[in-house]
Amino acid sequence: MVRDAFERYAFYRQGHEVDLTLSGPVNADNVDPWRIVSDSFAWR
């Protein structure tokens, strides 16, 4: 059985909200890929 880990980010600005949910295998090195994705979020 494969178990997944989840990380959720909520961004809010000027009445708008974006929820970003990332998932990956438990015990995998998810920190750097998740940081790249979450840090690349930008409001347009």
PDB file of N, CA and C in Angstrom:
ATOM      1  N   MET A   1       0.843  -1.176   0.000  1.00  0.00           N
ATOM      2  CA  MET A   1       0.000   0.000   0.000  1.00  0.00           C
ATOM      3  C   MET A   1       0.894   1.248   0.000  1.00  0.00           C
ATOM      4  N   VAL A   2       0.536   2.220  -0.809  1.00  0.00           N
ATOM      5  CA  VAL A   2       1.264   3.484  -0.869  1.00  0.00           C
ATOM      6  C   VAL A   2       0.455   4.541  -0.143  1.00  0.00           C
ATOM      7  N   ARG A   3       1.109   5.235   0.763  1.00  0.00           N
ATOM      8  CA  ARG A   3       0.437   6.316   1.484  1.00  0.00           C
ATOM      9  C   ARG A   3       0.955   7.650   0.962  1.00  0.00           C
ATOM     10  N   ASP A   4       0.070   8.625   0.864  1.00  0.00           N
ATOM     11  CA  ASP A   4       0.455   9.949   0.383  1.00  0.00           C
ATOM     12  C   ASP A   4       0.471  10.952   1.527  1.00  0.00           C
ATOM     13  N   ALA A   5       1.389  11.893   1.421  1.00  0.00           N
ATOM     14  CA  ALA A   5       1.442  13.039   2.316  1.00  0.00           C
ATOM     15  C   ALA A   5       0.864  14.228   1.553  1.00  0.00           C
ATOM     16  N   PHE A   6       0.202  15.123   2.270  1.00  0.00           N
ATOM     17  CA  PHE A   6      -0.416  16.290   1.651  1.00  0.00           C
ATOM     18  C   PHE A   6       0.042  17.556   2.347  1.00  0.00           C
ATOM     19  N   GLU A   7       0.196  18.602   1.574  1.00  0.00           N
ATOM     20  CA  GLU A   7       0.531  19.920   2.095  1.00  0.00           C
ATOM     21  C   GLU A   7      -0.440  20.895   1.443  1.00  0.00           C
ATOM     22  N   ARG A   8      -1.072  21.733   2.267  1.00  0.00           N
ATOM     23  CA  ARG A   8      -2.064  22.667   1.734  1.00  0.00           C
ATOM     24  C   ARG A   8      -1.622  24.093   2.012  1.00  0.00           C
ATOM     25  N   TYR A   9      -1.722  24.926   0.992  1.00  0.00           N
ATOM     26  CA  TYR A   9      -1.392  26.342   1.098  1.00  0.00           C
ATOM     27  C   TYR A   9      -2.632  27.135   0.731  1.00  0.00           C
ATOM     28  N   ALA A  10      -2.915  28.171   1.502  1.00  0.00           N
ATOM     29  CA  ALA A  10      -4.049  29.057   1.205  1.00  0.00           C
ATOM     30  C   ALA A  10      -3.494  30.461   1.007  1.00  0.00           C
ATOM     31  N   PHE A  11      -3.765  31.028  -0.143  1.00  0.00           N
ATOM     32  CA  PHE A  11      -3.335  32.383  -0.463  1.00  0.00           C
ATOM     33  C   PHE A  11      -4.580  33.266  -0.528  1.00  0.00           C
ATOM     34  N   TYR A  12      -4.511  34.443   0.069  1.00  0.00           N
ATOM     35  CA  TYR A  12      -5.655  35.349   0.085  1.00  0.00           C
ATOM     36  C   TYR A  12      -5.156  36.758  -0.208  1.00  0.00           C
ATOM     37  N   ARG A  13      -5.857  37.430  -1.126  1.00  0.00           N
ATOM     38  CA  ARG A  13      -5.507  38.812  -1.448  1.00  0.00           C
ATOM     39  C   ARG A  13      -6.704  39.515  -2.043  1.00  0.00           C
ATOM     40  N   GLN A  14      -7.030  40.662  -1.519  1.00  0.00           N
ATOM     41  CA  GLN A  14      -8.066  41.542  -2.052  1.00  0.00           C
ATOM     42  C   GLN A  14      -9.376  40.804  -2.354  1.00  0.00           C
ATOM     43  N   GLY A  15      -9.827  39.981  -1.416  1.00  0.00           N
ATOM     44  CA  GLY A  15     -11.100  39.295  -1.574  1.00  0.00           C
ATOM     45  C   GLY A  15     -11.063  38.020  -2.394  1.00  0.00           C
ATOM     46  N   HIS A  16      -9.906  37.615  -2.857  1.00  0.00           N
ATOM     47  CA  HIS A  16      -9.755  36.387  -3.642  1.00  0.00           C
ATOM     48  C   HIS A  16      -8.910  35.378  -2.869  1.00  0.00           C
ATOM     49  N   GLU A  17      -9.314  34.123  -2.936  1.00  0.00           N
ATOM     50  CA  GLU A  17      -8.578  33.068  -2.259  1.00  0.00           C
ATOM     51  C   GLU A  17      -8.221  31.956  -3.237  1.00  0.00           C
ATOM     52  N   VAL A  18      -7.017  31.440  -3.092  1.00  0.00           N
ATOM     53  CA  VAL A  18      -6.552  30.305  -3.884  1.00  0.00           C
ATOM     54  C   VAL A  18      -6.053  29.251  -2.913  1.00  0.00           C
ATOM     55  N   ASP A  19      -6.525  28.019  -3.078  1.00  0.00           N
ATOM     56  CA  ASP A  19      -6.046  26.900  -2.278  1.00  0.00           C
ATOM     57  C   ASP A  19      -5.185  26.015  -3.169  1.00  0.00           C
ATOM     58  N   LEU A  20      -4.000  25.719  -2.696  1.00  0.00           N
ATOM     59  CA  LEU A  20      -3.055  24.872  -3.426  1.00  0.00           C
ATOM     60  C   LEU A  20      -2.790  23.642  -2.572  1.00  0.00           C
ATOM     61  N   THR A  21      -3.111  22.471  -3.089  1.00  0.00           N
ATOM     62  CA  THR A  21      -2.873  21.222  -2.369  1.00  0.00           C
ATOM     63  C   THR A  21      -1.870  20.390  -3.151  1.00  0.00           C
ATOM     64  N   LEU A  22      -0.784  20.027  -2.483  1.00  0.00           N
ATOM     65  CA  LEU A  22       0.273  19.224  -3.094  1.00  0.00           C
ATOM     66  C   LEU A  22       0.313  17.866  -2.412  1.00  0.00           C
ATOM     67  N   SER A  23       0.622  16.828  -3.170  1.00  0.00           N
ATOM     68  CA  SER A  23       0.695  15.491  -2.588  1.00  0.00           C
ATOM     69  C   SER A  23       1.884  14.738  -3.154  1.00  0.00           C
ATOM     70  N   GLY A  24       2.339  13.772  -2.361  1.00  0.00           N
ATOM     71  CA  GLY A  24       3.450  12.926  -2.766  1.00  0.00           C
ATOM     72  C   GLY A  24       3.566  11.773  -1.794  1.00  0.00           C
ATOM     73  N   PRO A  25       4.345  10.774  -2.116  1.00  0.00           N
ATOM     74  CA  PRO A  25       4.481   9.610  -1.250  1.00  0.00           C
ATOM     75  C   PRO A  25       5.036   9.981   0.126  1.00  0.00           C
ATOM     76  N   VAL A  26       4.528   9.321   1.159  1.00  0.00           N
ATOM     77  CA  VAL A  26       5.049   9.497   2.504  1.00  0.00           C
ATOM     78  C   VAL A  26       6.511   9.071   2.511  1.00  0.00           C
ATOM     79  N   ASN A  27       7.330   9.781   3.248  1.00  0.00           N
ATOM     80  CA  ASN A  27       8.773   9.526   3.398  1.00  0.00           C
ATOM     81  C   ASN A  27       9.591   9.861   2.152  1.00  0.00           C
ATOM     82  N   ALA A  28       8.963  10.427   1.136  1.00  0.00           N
ATOM     83  CA  ALA A  28       9.729  10.902  -0.023  1.00  0.00           C
ATOM     84  C   ALA A  28      10.267  12.293   0.313  1.00  0.00           C
ATOM     85  N   ASP A  29      11.255  12.726  -0.399  1.00  0.00           N
ATOM     86  CA  ASP A  29      11.815  14.051  -0.173  1.00  0.00           C
ATOM     87  C   ASP A  29      10.964  15.078  -0.928  1.00  0.00           C
ATOM     88  N   ASN A  30       9.818  15.418  -0.346  1.00  0.00           N
ATOM     89  CA  ASN A  30       8.857  16.320  -0.993  1.00  0.00           C
ATOM     90  C   ASN A  30       9.128  17.791  -0.717  1.00  0.00           C
ATOM     91  N   VAL A  31       9.966  18.089   0.237  1.00  0.00           N
ATOM     92  CA  VAL A  31      10.124  19.471   0.705  1.00  0.00           C
ATOM     93  C   VAL A  31      10.567  20.411  -0.410  1.00  0.00           C
ATOM     94  N   ASP A  32      11.640  20.095  -1.100  1.00  0.00           N
ATOM     95  CA  ASP A  32      12.147  21.001  -2.141  1.00  0.00           C
ATOM     96  C   ASP A  32      11.186  21.158  -3.313  1.00  0.00           C
ATOM     97  N   PRO A  33      10.616  20.076  -3.862  1.00  0.00           N
ATOM     98  CA  PRO A  33       9.661  20.272  -4.958  1.00  0.00           C
ATOM     99  C   PRO A  33       8.439  21.077  -4.531  1.00  0.00           C
ATOM    100  N   TRP A  34       7.940  20.823  -3.324  1.00  0.00           N
ATOM    101  CA  TRP A  34       6.769  21.568  -2.855  1.00  0.00           C
ATOM    102  C   TRP A  34       7.111  23.036  -2.637  1.00  0.00           C
ATOM    103  N   ARG A  35       8.317  23.312  -2.173  1.00  0.00           N
ATOM    104  CA  ARG A  35       8.729  24.705  -1.971  1.00  0.00           C
ATOM    105  C   ARG A  35       8.830  25.423  -3.314  1.00  0.00           C
ATOM    106  N   ILE A  36       9.359  24.748  -4.320  1.00  0.00           N
ATOM    107  CA  ILE A  36       9.464  25.360  -5.656  1.00  0.00           C
ATOM    108  C   ILE A  36       8.086  25.726  -6.177  1.00  0.00           C
ATOM    109  N   VAL A  37       7.136  24.812  -6.052  1.00  0.00           N
ATOM    110  CA  VAL A  37       5.789  25.067  -6.556  1.00  0.00           C
ATOM    111  C   VAL A  37       5.113  26.177  -5.757  1.00  0.00           C
ATOM    112  N   SER A  38       5.142  26.096  -4.427  1.00  0.00           N
ATOM    113  CA  SER A  38       4.449  27.091  -3.610  1.00  0.00           C
ATOM    114  C   SER A  38       5.099  28.461  -3.743  1.00  0.00           C
ATOM    115  N   ASP A  39       6.422  28.526  -3.841  1.00  0.00           N
ATOM    116  CA  ASP A  39       7.096  29.821  -4.007  1.00  0.00           C
ATOM    117  C   ASP A  39       6.878  30.425  -5.385  1.00  0.00           C
ATOM    118  N   SER A  40       6.515  29.611  -6.366  1.00  0.00           N
ATOM    119  CA  SER A  40       6.320  30.143  -7.717  1.00  0.00           C
ATOM    120  C   SER A  40       4.920  30.706  -7.930  1.00  0.00           C
ATOM    121  N   PHE A  41       4.042  30.528  -6.948  1.00  0.00           N
ATOM    122  CA  PHE A  41       2.692  31.084  -7.086  1.00  0.00           C
ATOM    123  C   PHE A  41       2.781  32.605  -7.126  1.00  0.00           C
ATOM    124  N   ALA A  42       2.057  33.211  -8.055  1.00  0.00           N
ATOM    125  CA  ALA A  42       2.026  34.664  -8.163  1.00  0.00           C
ATOM    126  C   ALA A  42       0.638  35.120  -8.588  1.00  0.00           C
ATOM    127  N   TRP A  43       0.197  36.187  -7.994  1.00  0.00           N
ATOM    128  CA  TRP A  43      -1.083  36.792  -8.401  1.00  0.00           C
ATOM    129  C   TRP A  43      -0.857  37.541  -9.703  1.00  0.00           C
ATOM    130  N   ARG A  44      -1.807  37.473 -10.601  1.00  0.00           N
ATOM    131  CA  ARG A  44      -1.718  38.195 -11.880  1.00  0.00           C
ATOM    132  C   ARG A  44      -2.853  39.165 -12.009  1.00  0.00           C
TER     133      ARG A  44
END
